[in-house]
Amino acid sequence: MKKAMKIVQALAMVLLMSGGAMAQGTFVPQGGITVPGIVYMNISSTNQMLPRIILTNITGETIKCKVRVYDHDDVDLTHLSKVVKGGQGSFPTVVSGTGDFEIPAHSTRLYWMMPCSGIKRTAGYATIEWSADDSKLRKALIGSIWRVRSWTGGGTDVNDPLNNSQPF
């Protein structure tokens, strides 16, 4: 009986310790912003409006980011995104395939909504959240939304600052 009790106590200790370790990996945002007016259109390969969110880390440490884009019915469209940085030629270097990524100190990343298969038109919003190892940090990012529209015979680009160009 004593042996069985020791085994139960040992298992309880292991579970308690592993629960604490799992909690440490949880993303707890320290700052963020909601971006209204996200328009996504994928009508054909020559008629698209694909939003891109440009984020720059203005701190001296790595910032963890979480970007989510939602459609008109509050459905998460994050699966249509890639996170990229500059690259060679006309193709950027993919950093992440989702909306969860890190931005190194004094670096910039581009959250890029990609074309999807089939026709999709929607207007919604995005949320951008960030966290850092320094729990006292209050502002870490500046950014803009780059609205790219292409259609047969032309295209337009508009770049609007987030948060009135102020850090968030």
N, C-alpha and C. Protein backbone atom coordinates (compact mmCIF):
# COMPACT_ATOMS: atom_id res chain seq x y z
N MET A 1 0.82 -1.19 0.00
CA MET A 1 0.00 0.00 0.00
C MET A 1 0.86 1.26 0.00
N LYS A 2 1.96 1.24 0.81
CA LYS A 2 2.85 2.39 0.84
C LYS A 2 3.49 2.62 -0.52
N LYS A 3 3.84 1.53 -1.20
CA LYS A 3 4.47 1.64 -2.50
C LYS A 3 3.50 2.27 -3.51
N ALA A 4 2.24 1.86 -3.49
CA ALA A 4 1.23 2.42 -4.39
C ALA A 4 1.02 3.91 -4.11
N MET A 5 1.04 4.28 -2.83
CA MET A 5 0.86 5.68 -2.44
C MET A 5 2.02 6.53 -2.94
N LYS A 6 3.25 6.00 -2.90
CA LYS A 6 4.42 6.73 -3.38
C LYS A 6 4.34 6.93 -4.89
N ILE A 7 3.85 5.92 -5.60
CA ILE A 7 3.70 6.04 -7.06
C ILE A 7 2.67 7.11 -7.40
N VAL A 8 1.55 7.13 -6.69
CA VAL A 8 0.52 8.15 -6.92
C VAL A 8 1.06 9.54 -6.63
N GLN A 9 1.83 9.69 -5.54
CA GLN A 9 2.42 10.99 -5.21
C GLN A 9 3.42 11.43 -6.28
N ALA A 10 4.22 10.50 -6.76
CA ALA A 10 5.20 10.82 -7.80
C ALA A 10 4.50 11.26 -9.08
N LEU A 11 3.44 10.56 -9.47
CA LEU A 11 2.68 10.94 -10.66
C LEU A 11 2.04 12.32 -10.49
N ALA A 12 1.51 12.58 -9.31
CA ALA A 12 0.90 13.89 -9.04
C ALA A 12 1.93 15.00 -9.17
N MET A 13 3.15 14.77 -8.67
CA MET A 13 4.21 15.78 -8.76
C MET A 13 4.60 16.02 -10.22
N VAL A 14 4.72 14.96 -10.99
CA VAL A 14 5.07 15.10 -12.42
C VAL A 14 4.00 15.90 -13.14
N LEU A 15 2.73 15.59 -12.90
CA LEU A 15 1.64 16.33 -13.55
C LEU A 15 1.62 17.79 -13.15
N LEU A 16 1.84 18.07 -11.88
CA LEU A 16 1.86 19.46 -11.42
C LEU A 16 3.01 20.24 -12.05
N MET A 17 4.19 19.63 -12.14
CA MET A 17 5.34 20.31 -12.72
C MET A 17 5.17 20.51 -14.22
N SER A 18 4.62 19.53 -14.93
CA SER A 18 4.45 19.68 -16.37
C SER A 18 3.36 20.69 -16.69
N GLY A 19 2.36 20.82 -15.84
CA GLY A 19 1.32 21.83 -16.04
C GLY A 19 1.89 23.22 -15.98
N GLY A 20 2.83 23.47 -15.07
CA GLY A 20 3.50 24.77 -14.98
C GLY A 20 4.33 25.05 -16.21
N ALA A 21 4.99 24.03 -16.73
CA ALA A 21 5.81 24.22 -17.92
C ALA A 21 4.94 24.55 -19.13
N MET A 22 3.76 23.92 -19.23
CA MET A 22 2.88 24.21 -20.35
C MET A 22 2.36 25.64 -20.27
N ALA A 23 2.07 26.12 -19.07
CA ALA A 23 1.54 27.47 -18.91
C ALA A 23 2.57 28.52 -19.33
N GLN A 24 3.86 28.22 -19.20
CA GLN A 24 4.89 29.19 -19.56
C GLN A 24 4.91 29.46 -21.06
N GLY A 25 4.47 28.53 -21.89
CA GLY A 25 4.48 28.70 -23.33
C GLY A 25 3.26 29.46 -23.85
N THR A 26 2.34 29.87 -23.00
CA THR A 26 1.13 30.55 -23.41
C THR A 26 1.44 31.97 -23.85
N PHE A 27 0.85 32.39 -24.96
CA PHE A 27 1.02 33.74 -25.47
C PHE A 27 0.16 34.70 -24.66
N VAL A 28 0.79 35.65 -23.97
CA VAL A 28 0.08 36.65 -23.20
C VAL A 28 0.41 38.01 -23.82
N PRO A 29 -0.55 38.63 -24.52
CA PRO A 29 -0.24 39.89 -25.20
C PRO A 29 0.05 41.03 -24.23
N GLN A 30 1.03 41.86 -24.62
CA GLN A 30 1.37 43.07 -23.86
C GLN A 30 0.87 44.31 -24.56
N GLY A 31 0.53 44.17 -25.82
CA GLY A 31 0.04 45.29 -26.59
C GLY A 31 -0.64 44.78 -27.84
N GLY A 32 -1.35 45.69 -28.49
CA GLY A 32 -2.01 45.28 -29.72
C GLY A 32 -2.87 46.39 -30.30
N ILE A 33 -3.50 46.05 -31.41
CA ILE A 33 -4.33 47.01 -32.12
C ILE A 33 -5.34 46.22 -32.96
N THR A 34 -6.50 46.83 -33.20
CA THR A 34 -7.48 46.28 -34.13
C THR A 34 -7.45 47.14 -35.39
N VAL A 35 -7.40 46.47 -36.53
CA VAL A 35 -7.31 47.17 -37.82
C VAL A 35 -8.63 46.97 -38.56
N PRO A 36 -9.43 48.03 -38.71
CA PRO A 36 -10.69 47.90 -39.45
C PRO A 36 -10.46 47.99 -40.95
N GLY A 37 -11.47 47.65 -41.71
CA GLY A 37 -11.45 47.88 -43.15
C GLY A 37 -10.54 46.98 -43.94
N ILE A 38 -10.42 45.72 -43.53
CA ILE A 38 -9.63 44.77 -44.31
C ILE A 38 -10.53 44.25 -45.44
N VAL A 39 -10.14 44.51 -46.68
CA VAL A 39 -10.89 44.03 -47.84
C VAL A 39 -10.04 42.99 -48.54
N TYR A 40 -10.63 41.82 -48.77
CA TYR A 40 -9.96 40.72 -49.45
C TYR A 40 -10.84 40.28 -50.60
N MET A 41 -10.28 40.34 -51.81
CA MET A 41 -11.01 39.87 -52.99
C MET A 41 -10.10 38.99 -53.82
N ASN A 42 -10.57 37.81 -54.13
CA ASN A 42 -9.87 36.90 -55.04
C ASN A 42 -10.90 36.46 -56.07
N ILE A 43 -11.02 37.25 -57.13
CA ILE A 43 -12.02 36.97 -58.15
C ILE A 43 -11.42 36.10 -59.25
N SER A 44 -10.18 36.40 -59.62
CA SER A 44 -9.45 35.60 -60.60
C SER A 44 -7.96 35.91 -60.42
N SER A 45 -7.11 35.24 -61.17
CA SER A 45 -5.67 35.49 -61.04
C SER A 45 -5.29 36.89 -61.51
N THR A 46 -6.19 37.56 -62.24
CA THR A 46 -5.89 38.91 -62.71
C THR A 46 -6.79 39.97 -62.07
N ASN A 47 -7.61 39.59 -61.11
CA ASN A 47 -8.48 40.56 -60.44
C ASN A 47 -8.51 40.23 -58.95
N GLN A 48 -7.64 40.91 -58.20
CA GLN A 48 -7.47 40.61 -56.78
C GLN A 48 -7.26 41.88 -55.97
N MET A 49 -7.65 41.82 -54.70
CA MET A 49 -7.27 42.82 -53.72
C MET A 49 -6.78 42.04 -52.50
N LEU A 50 -5.48 42.10 -52.27
CA LEU A 50 -4.86 41.30 -51.22
C LEU A 50 -4.15 42.22 -50.22
N PRO A 51 -4.71 42.35 -49.00
CA PRO A 51 -4.09 43.25 -48.03
C PRO A 51 -2.78 42.66 -47.47
N ARG A 52 -1.88 43.57 -47.14
CA ARG A 52 -0.61 43.20 -46.51
C ARG A 52 -0.38 44.14 -45.34
N ILE A 53 0.02 43.59 -44.23
CA ILE A 53 0.29 44.40 -43.04
C ILE A 53 1.79 44.39 -42.80
N ILE A 54 2.39 45.58 -42.78
CA ILE A 54 3.83 45.74 -42.58
C ILE A 54 4.05 46.10 -41.11
N LEU A 55 4.86 45.31 -40.41
CA LEU A 55 5.14 45.55 -38.99
C LEU A 55 6.64 45.66 -38.77
N THR A 56 7.05 46.71 -38.05
CA THR A 56 8.46 46.93 -37.71
C THR A 56 8.63 46.92 -36.21
N ASN A 57 9.57 46.13 -35.75
CA ASN A 57 9.93 46.05 -34.34
C ASN A 57 10.89 47.21 -34.03
N ILE A 58 10.49 48.12 -33.16
CA ILE A 58 11.32 49.28 -32.83
C ILE A 58 12.12 49.09 -31.55
N THR A 59 12.14 47.86 -31.04
CA THR A 59 12.85 47.59 -29.79
C THR A 59 14.17 46.86 -30.06
N GLY A 60 14.92 46.67 -28.99
CA GLY A 60 16.19 45.95 -29.07
C GLY A 60 16.06 44.48 -28.77
N GLU A 61 14.84 43.95 -28.74
CA GLU A 61 14.65 42.52 -28.48
C GLU A 61 13.63 41.90 -29.43
N THR A 62 13.63 40.60 -29.51
CA THR A 62 12.69 39.88 -30.37
C THR A 62 11.28 40.03 -29.83
N ILE A 63 10.34 40.29 -30.73
CA ILE A 63 8.93 40.45 -30.38
C ILE A 63 8.14 39.30 -31.00
N LYS A 64 7.30 38.67 -30.20
CA LYS A 64 6.41 37.62 -30.68
C LYS A 64 5.11 38.28 -31.14
N CYS A 65 4.64 37.94 -32.32
CA CYS A 65 3.43 38.54 -32.88
C CYS A 65 2.37 37.49 -33.18
N LYS A 66 1.14 37.95 -33.11
CA LYS A 66 0.00 37.13 -33.49
C LYS A 66 -0.95 38.04 -34.28
N VAL A 67 -1.11 37.73 -35.56
CA VAL A 67 -2.01 38.49 -36.44
C VAL A 67 -3.13 37.57 -36.87
N ARG A 68 -4.34 38.06 -36.76
CA ARG A 68 -5.52 37.31 -37.20
C ARG A 68 -6.37 38.23 -38.07
N VAL A 69 -6.86 37.71 -39.19
CA VAL A 69 -7.76 38.45 -40.07
C VAL A 69 -9.10 37.73 -40.07
N TYR A 70 -10.17 38.52 -39.91
CA TYR A 70 -11.52 37.96 -39.83
C TYR A 70 -12.38 38.54 -40.95
N ASP A 71 -13.27 37.71 -41.49
CA ASP A 71 -14.14 38.16 -42.57
C ASP A 71 -15.42 38.79 -42.04
N HIS A 72 -16.38 39.04 -42.92
CA HIS A 72 -17.64 39.70 -42.58
C HIS A 72 -18.49 38.91 -41.58
N ASP A 73 -18.26 37.61 -41.45
CA ASP A 73 -19.00 36.79 -40.49
C ASP A 73 -18.13 36.37 -39.31
N ASP A 74 -17.00 37.06 -39.10
CA ASP A 74 -16.07 36.80 -38.00
C ASP A 74 -15.38 35.44 -38.13
N VAL A 75 -15.23 34.95 -39.36
CA VAL A 75 -14.52 33.70 -39.62
C VAL A 75 -13.04 34.04 -39.80
N ASP A 76 -12.18 33.30 -39.12
CA ASP A 76 -10.74 33.52 -39.17
C ASP A 76 -10.18 33.13 -40.53
N LEU A 77 -9.51 34.08 -41.22
CA LEU A 77 -8.92 33.84 -42.53
C LEU A 77 -7.39 33.71 -42.45
N THR A 78 -6.85 33.49 -41.26
CA THR A 78 -5.40 33.44 -41.07
C THR A 78 -4.74 32.38 -41.95
N HIS A 79 -5.45 31.31 -42.25
CA HIS A 79 -4.88 30.24 -43.08
C HIS A 79 -4.53 30.73 -44.49
N LEU A 80 -5.03 31.90 -44.90
CA LEU A 80 -4.71 32.45 -46.22
C LEU A 80 -3.47 33.35 -46.20
N SER A 81 -2.68 33.29 -45.12
CA SER A 81 -1.57 34.23 -44.99
C SER A 81 -0.21 33.55 -45.00
N LYS A 82 0.78 34.37 -45.29
CA LYS A 82 2.19 34.01 -45.14
C LYS A 82 2.86 35.21 -44.49
N VAL A 83 3.90 34.96 -43.74
CA VAL A 83 4.70 36.04 -43.17
C VAL A 83 6.04 36.00 -43.89
N VAL A 84 6.42 37.14 -44.47
CA VAL A 84 7.61 37.18 -45.31
C VAL A 84 8.53 38.34 -44.91
N LYS A 85 9.74 38.28 -45.43
CA LYS A 85 10.68 39.39 -45.35
C LYS A 85 11.28 39.54 -46.75
N GLY A 86 12.13 40.52 -46.94
CA GLY A 86 12.73 40.73 -48.25
C GLY A 86 13.45 39.49 -48.75
N GLY A 87 13.62 39.41 -50.05
CA GLY A 87 14.29 38.26 -50.64
C GLY A 87 14.99 38.64 -51.93
N GLN A 88 15.41 37.65 -52.65
CA GLN A 88 16.09 37.87 -53.92
C GLN A 88 15.07 37.96 -55.05
N GLY A 89 15.31 38.87 -55.98
CA GLY A 89 14.41 39.00 -57.12
C GLY A 89 13.04 39.46 -56.70
N SER A 90 12.02 38.95 -57.36
CA SER A 90 10.66 39.40 -57.08
C SER A 90 9.96 38.53 -56.03
N PHE A 91 10.63 37.52 -55.49
CA PHE A 91 10.00 36.63 -54.53
C PHE A 91 10.56 36.87 -53.13
N PRO A 92 9.69 37.17 -52.16
CA PRO A 92 10.15 37.35 -50.79
C PRO A 92 10.47 36.01 -50.12
N THR A 93 11.20 36.07 -49.03
CA THR A 93 11.54 34.89 -48.25
C THR A 93 10.44 34.62 -47.23
N VAL A 94 9.84 33.44 -47.28
CA VAL A 94 8.78 33.09 -46.33
C VAL A 94 9.40 32.80 -44.97
N VAL A 95 8.88 33.47 -43.95
CA VAL A 95 9.35 33.29 -42.58
C VAL A 95 8.42 32.35 -41.83
N SER A 96 7.12 32.46 -42.09
CA SER A 96 6.13 31.67 -41.37
C SER A 96 4.93 31.45 -42.29
N GLY A 97 4.24 30.34 -42.10
CA GLY A 97 3.06 30.06 -42.89
C GLY A 97 1.77 30.46 -42.21
N THR A 98 1.87 31.09 -41.04
CA THR A 98 0.67 31.44 -40.28
C THR A 98 0.78 32.86 -39.74
N GLY A 99 -0.16 33.23 -38.91
CA GLY A 99 -0.16 34.54 -38.29
C GLY A 99 0.62 34.60 -36.99
N ASP A 100 1.29 33.53 -36.58
CA ASP A 100 2.12 33.52 -35.38
C ASP A 100 3.57 33.54 -35.81
N PHE A 101 4.31 34.58 -35.41
CA PHE A 101 5.69 34.72 -35.86
C PHE A 101 6.46 35.63 -34.93
N GLU A 102 7.76 35.70 -35.14
CA GLU A 102 8.63 36.59 -34.36
C GLU A 102 9.24 37.63 -35.28
N ILE A 103 9.47 38.81 -34.72
CA ILE A 103 10.19 39.86 -35.44
C ILE A 103 11.45 40.16 -34.65
N PRO A 104 12.62 39.90 -35.21
CA PRO A 104 13.87 40.20 -34.51
C PRO A 104 13.99 41.70 -34.22
N ALA A 105 14.88 42.04 -33.31
CA ALA A 105 15.11 43.44 -32.94
C ALA A 105 15.37 44.28 -34.18
N HIS A 106 14.73 45.44 -34.24
CA HIS A 106 14.92 46.43 -35.31
C HIS A 106 14.73 45.84 -36.70
N SER A 107 13.76 44.93 -36.86
CA SER A 107 13.50 44.28 -38.14
C SER A 107 12.05 44.49 -38.55
N THR A 108 11.76 44.17 -39.81
CA THR A 108 10.42 44.34 -40.37
C THR A 108 9.95 43.02 -40.98
N ARG A 109 8.67 42.74 -40.81
CA ARG A 109 8.05 41.58 -41.43
C ARG A 109 6.77 42.03 -42.12
N LEU A 110 6.38 41.27 -43.13
CA LEU A 110 5.20 41.57 -43.93
C LEU A 110 4.22 40.41 -43.79
N TYR A 111 3.05 40.70 -43.22
CA TYR A 111 1.96 39.72 -43.13
C TYR A 111 1.18 39.83 -44.43
N TRP A 112 1.19 38.79 -45.23
CA TRP A 112 0.75 38.83 -46.61
C TRP A 112 -0.44 37.91 -46.81
N MET A 113 -1.60 38.47 -47.14
CA MET A 113 -2.76 37.65 -47.49
C MET A 113 -2.54 37.13 -48.91
N MET A 114 -2.62 35.83 -49.09
CA MET A 114 -2.31 35.18 -50.37
C MET A 114 -3.60 34.90 -51.15
N PRO A 115 -3.49 34.73 -52.46
CA PRO A 115 -4.67 34.33 -53.25
C PRO A 115 -5.15 32.94 -52.80
N CYS A 116 -6.43 32.72 -52.90
CA CYS A 116 -6.99 31.41 -52.56
C CYS A 116 -7.57 30.78 -53.81
N SER A 117 -7.93 29.53 -53.70
CA SER A 117 -8.59 28.89 -54.85
C SER A 117 -10.06 29.27 -54.83
N GLY A 118 -10.62 29.49 -55.99
CA GLY A 118 -12.02 29.88 -56.07
C GLY A 118 -12.20 31.37 -55.87
N ILE A 119 -13.44 31.79 -55.91
CA ILE A 119 -13.77 33.21 -55.76
C ILE A 119 -14.09 33.50 -54.31
N LYS A 120 -13.50 34.58 -53.79
CA LYS A 120 -13.79 34.99 -52.42
C LYS A 120 -13.76 36.50 -52.36
N ARG A 121 -14.80 37.09 -51.79
CA ARG A 121 -14.87 38.53 -51.55
C ARG A 121 -15.34 38.73 -50.13
N THR A 122 -14.63 39.57 -49.40
CA THR A 122 -15.04 39.82 -48.04
C THR A 122 -14.45 41.13 -47.53
N ALA A 123 -15.08 41.68 -46.54
CA ALA A 123 -14.55 42.84 -45.81
C ALA A 123 -14.63 42.50 -44.34
N GLY A 124 -13.60 42.81 -43.60
CA GLY A 124 -13.59 42.49 -42.18
C GLY A 124 -12.58 43.33 -41.43
N TYR A 125 -11.87 42.67 -40.52
CA TYR A 125 -10.91 43.38 -39.68
C TYR A 125 -9.77 42.45 -39.32
N ALA A 126 -8.72 43.04 -38.75
CA ALA A 126 -7.58 42.25 -38.28
C ALA A 126 -7.27 42.63 -36.84
N THR A 127 -6.68 41.69 -36.12
CA THR A 127 -6.14 42.00 -34.79
C THR A 127 -4.64 41.70 -34.83
N ILE A 128 -3.87 42.58 -34.22
CA ILE A 128 -2.43 42.41 -34.11
C ILE A 128 -2.09 42.47 -32.63
N GLU A 129 -1.49 41.41 -32.11
CA GLU A 129 -1.07 41.38 -30.71
C GLU A 129 0.41 41.05 -30.66
N TRP A 130 1.08 41.52 -29.62
CA TRP A 130 2.50 41.22 -29.48
C TRP A 130 2.84 40.98 -28.01
N SER A 131 3.95 40.28 -27.81
CA SER A 131 4.49 40.07 -26.46
C SER A 131 6.01 40.01 -26.55
N ALA A 132 6.63 40.20 -25.40
CA ALA A 132 8.09 40.20 -25.32
C ALA A 132 8.52 39.56 -24.01
N ASP A 133 9.79 39.18 -23.93
CA ASP A 133 10.32 38.64 -22.68
C ASP A 133 10.36 39.71 -21.60
N ASP A 134 10.56 40.98 -21.99
CA ASP A 134 10.58 42.09 -21.04
C ASP A 134 9.14 42.48 -20.72
N SER A 135 8.66 42.11 -19.54
CA SER A 135 7.27 42.35 -19.16
C SER A 135 6.96 43.84 -18.94
N LYS A 136 8.00 44.69 -18.87
CA LYS A 136 7.77 46.12 -18.67
C LYS A 136 7.63 46.88 -19.98
N LEU A 137 7.89 46.23 -21.09
CA LEU A 137 7.81 46.86 -22.40
C LEU A 137 6.35 47.18 -22.72
N ARG A 138 6.05 48.39 -23.16
CA ARG A 138 4.67 48.80 -23.44
C ARG A 138 4.40 49.10 -24.90
N LYS A 139 5.41 49.50 -25.67
CA LYS A 139 5.24 49.78 -27.09
C LYS A 139 6.39 49.13 -27.83
N ALA A 140 6.07 48.41 -28.89
CA ALA A 140 7.10 47.64 -29.57
C ALA A 140 7.03 47.73 -31.09
N LEU A 141 5.87 48.06 -31.65
CA LEU A 141 5.69 47.98 -33.10
C LEU A 141 5.19 49.29 -33.69
N ILE A 142 5.57 49.52 -34.94
CA ILE A 142 4.92 50.51 -35.79
C ILE A 142 4.53 49.75 -37.05
N GLY A 143 3.58 50.27 -37.79
CA GLY A 143 3.19 49.53 -38.98
C GLY A 143 2.27 50.29 -39.90
N SER A 144 1.93 49.62 -40.98
CA SER A 144 0.99 50.17 -41.95
C SER A 144 0.28 49.01 -42.64
N ILE A 145 -0.83 49.35 -43.28
CA ILE A 145 -1.52 48.36 -44.08
C ILE A 145 -1.35 48.78 -45.54
N TRP A 146 -0.88 47.84 -46.32
CA TRP A 146 -0.61 48.06 -47.74
C TRP A 146 -1.71 47.35 -48.50
N ARG A 147 -2.57 48.13 -49.12
CA ARG A 147 -3.68 47.57 -49.88
C ARG A 147 -3.27 47.50 -51.35
N VAL A 148 -3.18 46.30 -51.85
CA VAL A 148 -2.72 46.07 -53.22
C VAL A 148 -3.90 45.55 -54.03
N ARG A 149 -4.20 46.23 -55.11
CA ARG A 149 -5.27 45.76 -55.99
C ARG A 149 -4.69 45.60 -57.39
N SER A 150 -4.92 44.45 -57.97
CA SER A 150 -4.48 44.22 -59.35
C SER A 150 -5.68 43.75 -60.16
N TRP A 151 -5.73 44.18 -61.37
CA TRP A 151 -6.74 43.73 -62.29
C TRP A 151 -6.18 43.82 -63.69
N THR A 152 -6.83 43.20 -64.62
CA THR A 152 -6.34 43.18 -65.99
C THR A 152 -6.12 44.61 -66.47
N GLY A 153 -4.91 44.90 -66.89
CA GLY A 153 -4.60 46.22 -67.43
C GLY A 153 -4.09 47.22 -66.40
N GLY A 154 -3.95 46.85 -65.13
CA GLY A 154 -3.44 47.84 -64.17
C GLY A 154 -3.52 47.38 -62.74
N GLY A 155 -3.36 48.33 -61.86
CA GLY A 155 -3.42 48.04 -60.44
C GLY A 155 -3.19 49.30 -59.63
N THR A 156 -3.47 49.22 -58.34
CA THR A 156 -3.24 50.36 -57.46
C THR A 156 -2.69 49.85 -56.13
N ASP A 157 -1.90 50.68 -55.49
CA ASP A 157 -1.38 50.40 -54.15
C ASP A 157 -1.69 51.59 -53.26
N VAL A 158 -2.14 51.32 -52.06
CA VAL A 158 -2.35 52.36 -51.06
C VAL A 158 -1.71 51.87 -49.77
N ASN A 159 -0.92 52.72 -49.12
CA ASN A 159 -0.26 52.35 -47.88
C ASN A 159 -0.72 53.31 -46.78
N ASP A 160 -1.48 52.80 -45.81
CA ASP A 160 -2.01 53.63 -44.73
C ASP A 160 -1.35 53.25 -43.40
N PRO A 161 -0.88 54.23 -42.64
CA PRO A 161 -0.24 53.92 -41.35
C PRO A 161 -1.26 53.37 -40.34
N LEU A 162 -0.77 52.50 -39.49
CA LEU A 162 -1.57 51.99 -38.37
C LEU A 162 -1.38 52.92 -37.17
N ASN A 163 -2.40 53.10 -36.39
CA ASN A 163 -2.33 53.86 -35.13
C ASN A 163 -1.76 55.27 -35.36
N ASN A 164 -2.13 55.92 -36.46
CA ASN A 164 -1.64 57.27 -36.78
C ASN A 164 -0.13 57.36 -36.74
N SER A 165 0.54 56.31 -37.18
CA SER A 165 2.02 56.22 -37.23
C SER A 165 2.67 56.20 -35.85
N GLN A 166 1.88 56.00 -34.81
CA GLN A 166 2.43 55.95 -33.46
C GLN A 166 2.70 54.50 -33.05
N PRO A 167 3.76 54.27 -32.26
CA PRO A 167 4.05 52.92 -31.77
C PRO A 167 2.88 52.38 -30.93
N PHE A 168 2.73 51.07 -30.99
CA PHE A 168 1.71 50.41 -30.16
C PHE A 168 2.28 49.15 -29.56
